[in-house]
Amino acid sequence: MKKLQATEENAPLTLRELEVIRLIEKEFSNKQIAGHLGISERTVETHRKNILRKTRTNNVIGLIKYVYEHKLV
């Protein structure tokens, strides 16, 4: 899998964050993502927050646009 350098903090997206992004792109809810990955919903929320920060996006639409522009899915 790819690791992408974030522009703001120079922190790469982790493999787990990339997994979460792929499930967000498939329209999974936080609860569904948590169940699929075997983690808590709170952990999913933390991943989403970190993903938005690293990609400098503000919402899911911006994130998905970013994902397609950078060919993450």
PDB file of N, CA and C in Angstrom:
ATOM      1  N   MET A   1       0.829  -1.185   0.000  1.00  0.00           N
ATOM      2  CA  MET A   1       0.000   0.000   0.000  1.00  0.00           C
ATOM      3  C   MET A   1       0.877   1.253   0.000  1.00  0.00           C
ATOM      4  N   LYS A   2       0.311   2.324  -0.513  1.00  0.00           N
ATOM      5  CA  LYS A   2       1.025   3.591  -0.568  1.00  0.00           C
ATOM      6  C   LYS A   2       0.967   4.307   0.775  1.00  0.00           C
ATOM      7  N   LYS A   3       2.001   5.049   1.069  1.00  0.00           N
ATOM      8  CA  LYS A   3       1.940   6.028   2.156  1.00  0.00           C
ATOM      9  C   LYS A   3       2.069   7.369   1.484  1.00  0.00           C
ATOM     10  N   LEU A   4       1.201   8.274   1.826  1.00  0.00           N
ATOM     11  CA  LEU A   4       1.182   9.580   1.180  1.00  0.00           C
ATOM     12  C   LEU A   4       1.678  10.622   2.154  1.00  0.00           C
ATOM     13  N   GLN A   5       2.577  11.462   1.708  1.00  0.00           N
ATOM     14  CA  GLN A   5       3.064  12.541   2.548  1.00  0.00           C
ATOM     15  C   GLN A   5       2.002  13.633   2.626  1.00  0.00           C
ATOM     16  N   ALA A   6       1.642  14.006   3.819  1.00  0.00           N
ATOM     17  CA  ALA A   6       0.690  15.089   4.002  1.00  0.00           C
ATOM     18  C   ALA A   6       1.420  16.411   3.804  1.00  0.00           C
ATOM     19  N   THR A   7       0.713  17.372   3.289  1.00  0.00           N
ATOM     20  CA  THR A   7       1.353  18.641   2.988  1.00  0.00           C
ATOM     21  C   THR A   7       1.550  19.500   4.231  1.00  0.00           C
ATOM     22  N   GLU A   8       0.676  19.405   5.195  1.00  0.00           N
ATOM     23  CA  GLU A   8       0.734  20.313   6.330  1.00  0.00           C
ATOM     24  C   GLU A   8       1.794  19.934   7.357  1.00  0.00           C
ATOM     25  N   GLU A   9       1.801  18.714   7.805  1.00  0.00           N
ATOM     26  CA  GLU A   9       2.674  18.336   8.906  1.00  0.00           C
ATOM     27  C   GLU A   9       3.714  17.315   8.499  1.00  0.00           C
ATOM     28  N   ASN A  10       3.786  17.017   7.230  1.00  0.00           N
ATOM     29  CA  ASN A  10       4.748  16.057   6.724  1.00  0.00           C
ATOM     30  C   ASN A  10       4.622  14.706   7.421  1.00  0.00           C
ATOM     31  N   ALA A  11       3.398  14.355   7.837  1.00  0.00           N
ATOM     32  CA  ALA A  11       3.138  13.080   8.482  1.00  0.00           C
ATOM     33  C   ALA A  11       2.426  12.173   7.487  1.00  0.00           C
ATOM     34  N   PRO A  12       2.975  10.992   7.245  1.00  0.00           N
ATOM     35  CA  PRO A  12       2.338  10.097   6.277  1.00  0.00           C
ATOM     36  C   PRO A  12       1.052   9.503   6.841  1.00  0.00           C
ATOM     37  N   LEU A  13       0.136   9.189   5.949  1.00  0.00           N
ATOM     38  CA  LEU A  13      -1.046   8.451   6.353  1.00  0.00           C
ATOM     39  C   LEU A  13      -0.598   7.032   6.685  1.00  0.00           C
ATOM     40  N   THR A  14      -1.139   6.498   7.776  1.00  0.00           N
ATOM     41  CA  THR A  14      -0.788   5.136   8.176  1.00  0.00           C
ATOM     42  C   THR A  14      -1.591   4.136   7.349  1.00  0.00           C
ATOM     43  N   LEU A  15      -1.175   2.895   7.401  1.00  0.00           N
ATOM     44  CA  LEU A  15      -1.930   1.849   6.696  1.00  0.00           C
ATOM     45  C   LEU A  15      -3.359   1.766   7.226  1.00  0.00           C
ATOM     46  N   ARG A  16      -3.526   1.912   8.527  1.00  0.00           N
ATOM     47  CA  ARG A  16      -4.867   1.860   9.122  1.00  0.00           C
ATOM     48  C   ARG A  16      -5.713   3.035   8.632  1.00  0.00           C
ATOM     49  N   GLU A  17      -5.115   4.219   8.555  1.00  0.00           N
ATOM     50  CA  GLU A  17      -5.850   5.379   8.042  1.00  0.00           C
ATOM     51  C   GLU A  17      -6.269   5.151   6.594  1.00  0.00           C
ATOM     52  N   LEU A  18      -5.407   4.535   5.803  1.00  0.00           N
ATOM     53  CA  LEU A  18      -5.775   4.224   4.419  1.00  0.00           C
ATOM     54  C   LEU A  18      -6.924   3.221   4.369  1.00  0.00           C
ATOM     55  N   GLU A  19      -6.937   2.251   5.289  1.00  0.00           N
ATOM     56  CA  GLU A  19      -8.049   1.305   5.366  1.00  0.00           C
ATOM     57  C   GLU A  19      -9.346   2.047   5.694  1.00  0.00           C
ATOM     58  N   VAL A  20      -9.271   2.951   6.656  1.00  0.00           N
ATOM     59  CA  VAL A  20     -10.453   3.727   7.044  1.00  0.00           C
ATOM     60  C   VAL A  20     -10.935   4.569   5.863  1.00  0.00           C
ATOM     61  N   ILE A  21     -10.023   5.190   5.139  1.00  0.00           N
ATOM     62  CA  ILE A  21     -10.393   5.995   3.966  1.00  0.00           C
ATOM     63  C   ILE A  21     -11.137   5.144   2.946  1.00  0.00           C
ATOM     64  N   ARG A  22     -10.637   3.951   2.688  1.00  0.00           N
ATOM     65  CA  ARG A  22     -11.290   3.078   1.702  1.00  0.00           C
ATOM     66  C   ARG A  22     -12.717   2.719   2.133  1.00  0.00           C
ATOM     67  N   LEU A  23     -12.917   2.528   3.434  1.00  0.00           N
ATOM     68  CA  LEU A  23     -14.262   2.210   3.929  1.00  0.00           C
ATOM     69  C   LEU A  23     -15.159   3.443   3.919  1.00  0.00           C
ATOM     70  N   ILE A  24     -14.600   4.611   4.202  1.00  0.00           N
ATOM     71  CA  ILE A  24     -15.378   5.848   4.093  1.00  0.00           C
ATOM     72  C   ILE A  24     -15.837   6.025   2.654  1.00  0.00           C
ATOM     73  N   GLU A  25     -14.948   5.762   1.718  1.00  0.00           N
ATOM     74  CA  GLU A  25     -15.261   5.900   0.289  1.00  0.00           C
ATOM     75  C   GLU A  25     -16.387   4.946  -0.115  1.00  0.00           C
ATOM     76  N   LYS A  26     -16.487   3.809   0.588  1.00  0.00           N
ATOM     77  CA  LYS A  26     -17.561   2.839   0.323  1.00  0.00           C
ATOM     78  C   LYS A  26     -18.831   3.163   1.105  1.00  0.00           C
ATOM     79  N   GLU A  27     -18.861   4.337   1.748  1.00  0.00           N
ATOM     80  CA  GLU A  27     -20.010   4.845   2.494  1.00  0.00           C
ATOM     81  C   GLU A  27     -20.313   4.066   3.765  1.00  0.00           C
ATOM     82  N   PHE A  28     -19.306   3.463   4.383  1.00  0.00           N
ATOM     83  CA  PHE A  28     -19.488   2.788   5.658  1.00  0.00           C
ATOM     84  C   PHE A  28     -19.646   3.852   6.751  1.00  0.00           C
ATOM     85  N   SER A  29     -20.498   3.568   7.726  1.00  0.00           N
ATOM     86  CA  SER A  29     -20.637   4.447   8.896  1.00  0.00           C
ATOM     87  C   SER A  29     -19.477   4.158   9.859  1.00  0.00           C
ATOM     88  N   ASN A  30     -19.308   5.030  10.851  1.00  0.00           N
ATOM     89  CA  ASN A  30     -18.273   4.784  11.860  1.00  0.00           C
ATOM     90  C   ASN A  30     -18.482   3.435  12.530  1.00  0.00           C
ATOM     91  N   LYS A  31     -19.736   3.110  12.827  1.00  0.00           N
ATOM     92  CA  LYS A  31     -20.046   1.833  13.474  1.00  0.00           C
ATOM     93  C   LYS A  31     -19.669   0.662  12.574  1.00  0.00           C
ATOM     94  N   GLN A  32     -19.978   0.760  11.295  1.00  0.00           N
ATOM     95  CA  GLN A  32     -19.634  -0.301  10.353  1.00  0.00           C
ATOM     96  C   GLN A  32     -18.122  -0.433  10.190  1.00  0.00           C
ATOM     97  N   ILE A  33     -17.423   0.696  10.124  1.00  0.00           N
ATOM     98  CA  ILE A  33     -15.962   0.669  10.009  1.00  0.00           C
ATOM     99  C   ILE A  33     -15.370  -0.010  11.242  1.00  0.00           C
ATOM    100  N   ALA A  34     -15.866   0.373  12.412  1.00  0.00           N
ATOM    101  CA  ALA A  34     -15.377  -0.214  13.664  1.00  0.00           C
ATOM    102  C   ALA A  34     -15.570  -1.727  13.656  1.00  0.00           C
ATOM    103  N   GLY A  35     -16.745  -2.179  13.281  1.00  0.00           N
ATOM    104  CA  GLY A  35     -17.013  -3.617  13.240  1.00  0.00           C
ATOM    105  C   GLY A  35     -16.138  -4.337  12.225  1.00  0.00           C
ATOM    106  N   HIS A  36     -15.974  -3.739  11.065  1.00  0.00           N
ATOM    107  CA  HIS A  36     -15.182  -4.344   9.994  1.00  0.00           C
ATOM    108  C   HIS A  36     -13.707  -4.470  10.388  1.00  0.00           C
ATOM    109  N   LEU A  37     -13.184  -3.465  11.092  1.00  0.00           N
ATOM    110  CA  LEU A  37     -11.769  -3.460  11.459  1.00  0.00           C
ATOM    111  C   LEU A  37     -11.500  -4.006  12.864  1.00  0.00           C
ATOM    112  N   GLY A  38     -12.563  -4.265  13.624  1.00  0.00           N
ATOM    113  CA  GLY A  38     -12.392  -4.792  14.974  1.00  0.00           C
ATOM    114  C   GLY A  38     -11.820  -3.767  15.942  1.00  0.00           C
ATOM    115  N   ILE A  39     -12.253  -2.509  15.786  1.00  0.00           N
ATOM    116  CA  ILE A  39     -11.807  -1.427  16.666  1.00  0.00           C
ATOM    117  C   ILE A  39     -13.041  -0.701  17.191  1.00  0.00           C
ATOM    118  N   SER A  40     -12.844   0.184  18.147  1.00  0.00           N
ATOM    119  CA  SER A  40     -13.985   0.912  18.710  1.00  0.00           C
ATOM    120  C   SER A  40     -14.395   2.069  17.798  1.00  0.00           C
ATOM    121  N   GLU A  41     -15.634   2.505  17.962  1.00  0.00           N
ATOM    122  CA  GLU A  41     -16.111   3.662  17.200  1.00  0.00           C
ATOM    123  C   GLU A  41     -15.298   4.904  17.539  1.00  0.00           C
ATOM    124  N   ARG A  42     -14.892   5.024  18.782  1.00  0.00           N
ATOM    125  CA  ARG A  42     -14.076   6.171  19.206  1.00  0.00           C
ATOM    126  C   ARG A  42     -12.743   6.180  18.456  1.00  0.00           C
ATOM    127  N   THR A  43     -12.157   5.017  18.255  1.00  0.00           N
ATOM    128  CA  THR A  43     -10.904   4.918  17.503  1.00  0.00           C
ATOM    129  C   THR A  43     -11.125   5.332  16.056  1.00  0.00           C
ATOM    130  N   VAL A  44     -12.263   4.932  15.485  1.00  0.00           N
ATOM    131  CA  VAL A  44     -12.588   5.341  14.112  1.00  0.00           C
ATOM    132  C   VAL A  44     -12.698   6.861  14.050  1.00  0.00           C
ATOM    133  N   GLU A  45     -13.369   7.456  15.024  1.00  0.00           N
ATOM    134  CA  GLU A  45     -13.499   8.919  15.057  1.00  0.00           C
ATOM    135  C   GLU A  45     -12.123   9.588  15.116  1.00  0.00           C
ATOM    136  N   THR A  46     -11.225   9.023  15.906  1.00  0.00           N
ATOM    137  CA  THR A  46      -9.865   9.575  16.000  1.00  0.00           C
ATOM    138  C   THR A  46      -9.141   9.448  14.662  1.00  0.00           C
ATOM    139  N   HIS A  47      -9.270   8.294  14.018  1.00  0.00           N
ATOM    140  CA  HIS A  47      -8.654   8.118  12.693  1.00  0.00           C
ATOM    141  C   HIS A  47      -9.196   9.146  11.706  1.00  0.00           C
ATOM    142  N   ARG A  48     -10.523   9.330  11.700  1.00  0.00           N
ATOM    143  CA  ARG A  48     -11.135  10.295  10.769  1.00  0.00           C
ATOM    144  C   ARG A  48     -10.605  11.706  11.023  1.00  0.00           C
ATOM    145  N   LYS A  49     -10.508  12.077  12.285  1.00  0.00           N
ATOM    146  CA  LYS A  49      -9.999  13.398  12.646  1.00  0.00           C
ATOM    147  C   LYS A  49      -8.567  13.568  12.147  1.00  0.00           C
ATOM    148  N   ASN A  50      -7.735  12.556  12.380  1.00  0.00           N
ATOM    149  CA  ASN A  50      -6.344  12.609  11.948  1.00  0.00           C
ATOM    150  C   ASN A  50      -6.223  12.640  10.424  1.00  0.00           C
ATOM    151  N   ILE A  51      -7.059  11.892   9.749  1.00  0.00           N
ATOM    152  CA  ILE A  51      -7.053  11.861   8.281  1.00  0.00           C
ATOM    153  C   ILE A  51      -7.392  13.244   7.726  1.00  0.00           C
ATOM    154  N   LEU A  52      -8.431  13.859   8.263  1.00  0.00           N
ATOM    155  CA  LEU A  52      -8.825  15.189   7.788  1.00  0.00           C
ATOM    156  C   LEU A  52      -7.710  16.201   8.039  1.00  0.00           C
ATOM    157  N   ARG A  53      -7.062  16.108   9.198  1.00  0.00           N
ATOM    158  CA  ARG A  53      -5.964  17.022   9.520  1.00  0.00           C
ATOM    159  C   ARG A  53      -4.795  16.820   8.560  1.00  0.00           C
ATOM    160  N   LYS A  54      -4.409  15.574   8.353  1.00  0.00           N
ATOM    161  CA  LYS A  54      -3.258  15.280   7.496  1.00  0.00           C
ATOM    162  C   LYS A  54      -3.499  15.638   6.038  1.00  0.00           C
ATOM    163  N   THR A  55      -4.742  15.491   5.587  1.00  0.00           N
ATOM    164  CA  THR A  55      -5.054  15.794   4.183  1.00  0.00           C
ATOM    165  C   THR A  55      -5.507  17.239   3.995  1.00  0.00           C
ATOM    166  N   ARG A  56      -5.619  17.954   5.109  1.00  0.00           N
ATOM    167  CA  ARG A  56      -6.064  19.352   5.088  1.00  0.00           C
ATOM    168  C   ARG A  56      -7.429  19.498   4.409  1.00  0.00           C
ATOM    169  N   THR A  57      -8.321  18.586   4.739  1.00  0.00           N
ATOM    170  CA  THR A  57      -9.691  18.653   4.248  1.00  0.00           C
ATOM    171  C   THR A  57     -10.615  18.887   5.436  1.00  0.00           C
ATOM    172  N   ASN A  58     -11.835  19.348   5.152  1.00  0.00           N
ATOM    173  CA  ASN A  58     -12.762  19.706   6.224  1.00  0.00           C
ATOM    174  C   ASN A  58     -13.951  18.776   6.369  1.00  0.00           C
ATOM    175  N   ASN A  59     -14.187  17.947   5.365  1.00  0.00           N
ATOM    176  CA  ASN A  59     -15.348  17.069   5.411  1.00  0.00           C
ATOM    177  C   ASN A  59     -15.137  15.881   4.475  1.00  0.00           C
ATOM    178  N   VAL A  60     -16.091  14.972   4.470  1.00  0.00           N
ATOM    179  CA  VAL A  60     -15.962  13.754   3.679  1.00  0.00           C
ATOM    180  C   VAL A  60     -15.888  14.060   2.185  1.00  0.00           C
ATOM    181  N   ILE A  61     -16.640  15.018   1.718  1.00  0.00           N
ATOM    182  CA  ILE A  61     -16.600  15.353   0.287  1.00  0.00           C
ATOM    183  C   ILE A  61     -15.200  15.831  -0.094  1.00  0.00           C
ATOM    184  N   GLY A  62     -14.633  16.719   0.699  1.00  0.00           N
ATOM    185  CA  GLY A  62     -13.275  17.184   0.439  1.00  0.00           C
ATOM    186  C   GLY A  62     -12.270  16.052   0.513  1.00  0.00           C
ATOM    187  N   LEU A  63     -12.461  15.145   1.482  1.00  0.00           N
ATOM    188  CA  LEU A  63     -11.564  14.009   1.629  1.00  0.00           C
ATOM    189  C   LEU A  63     -11.621  13.101   0.405  1.00  0.00           C
ATOM    190  N   ILE A  64     -12.826  12.779  -0.049  1.00  0.00           N
ATOM    191  CA  ILE A  64     -12.972  11.886  -1.205  1.00  0.00           C
ATOM    192  C   ILE A  64     -12.371  12.536  -2.448  1.00  0.00           C
ATOM    193  N   LYS A  65     -12.576  13.820  -2.605  1.00  0.00           N
ATOM    194  CA  LYS A  65     -11.953  14.543  -3.720  1.00  0.00           C
ATOM    195  C   LYS A  65     -10.434  14.410  -3.640  1.00  0.00           C
ATOM    196  N   TYR A  66      -9.878  14.608  -2.465  1.00  0.00           N
ATOM    197  CA  TYR A  66      -8.439  14.478  -2.228  1.00  0.00           C
ATOM    198  C   TYR A  66      -7.968  13.058  -2.563  1.00  0.00           C
ATOM    199  N   VAL A  67      -8.734  12.073  -2.105  1.00  0.00           N
ATOM    200  CA  VAL A  67      -8.388  10.664  -2.325  1.00  0.00           C
ATOM    201  C   VAL A  67      -8.294  10.350  -3.816  1.00  0.00           C
ATOM    202  N   TYR A  68      -9.263  10.822  -4.592  1.00  0.00           N
ATOM    203  CA  TYR A  68      -9.237  10.562  -6.030  1.00  0.00           C
ATOM    204  C   TYR A  68      -8.128  11.337  -6.724  1.00  0.00           C
ATOM    205  N   GLU A  69      -7.892  12.570  -6.313  1.00  0.00           N
ATOM    206  CA  GLU A  69      -6.816  13.362  -6.906  1.00  0.00           C
ATOM    207  C   GLU A  69      -5.443  12.739  -6.671  1.00  0.00           C
ATOM    208  N   HIS A  70      -5.278  12.080  -5.517  1.00  0.00           N
ATOM    209  CA  HIS A  70      -3.995  11.467  -5.172  1.00  0.00           C
ATOM    210  C   HIS A  70      -3.982   9.955  -5.410  1.00  0.00           C
ATOM    211  N   LYS A  71      -5.044   9.458  -6.062  1.00  0.00           N
ATOM    212  CA  LYS A  71      -5.129   8.040  -6.454  1.00  0.00           C
ATOM    213  C   LYS A  71      -4.897   7.085  -5.288  1.00  0.00           C
ATOM    214  N   LEU A  72      -5.597   7.336  -4.185  1.00  0.00           N
ATOM    215  CA  LEU A  72      -5.476   6.470  -3.017  1.00  0.00           C
ATOM    216  C   LEU A  72      -6.432   5.283  -3.068  1.00  0.00           C
ATOM    217  N   VAL A  73      -7.427   5.331  -3.941  1.00  0.00           N
ATOM    218  CA  VAL A  73      -8.341   4.200  -4.117  1.00  0.00           C
ATOM    219  C   VAL A  73      -8.401   3.816  -5.565  1.00  0.00           C
TER     220      VAL A  73
END
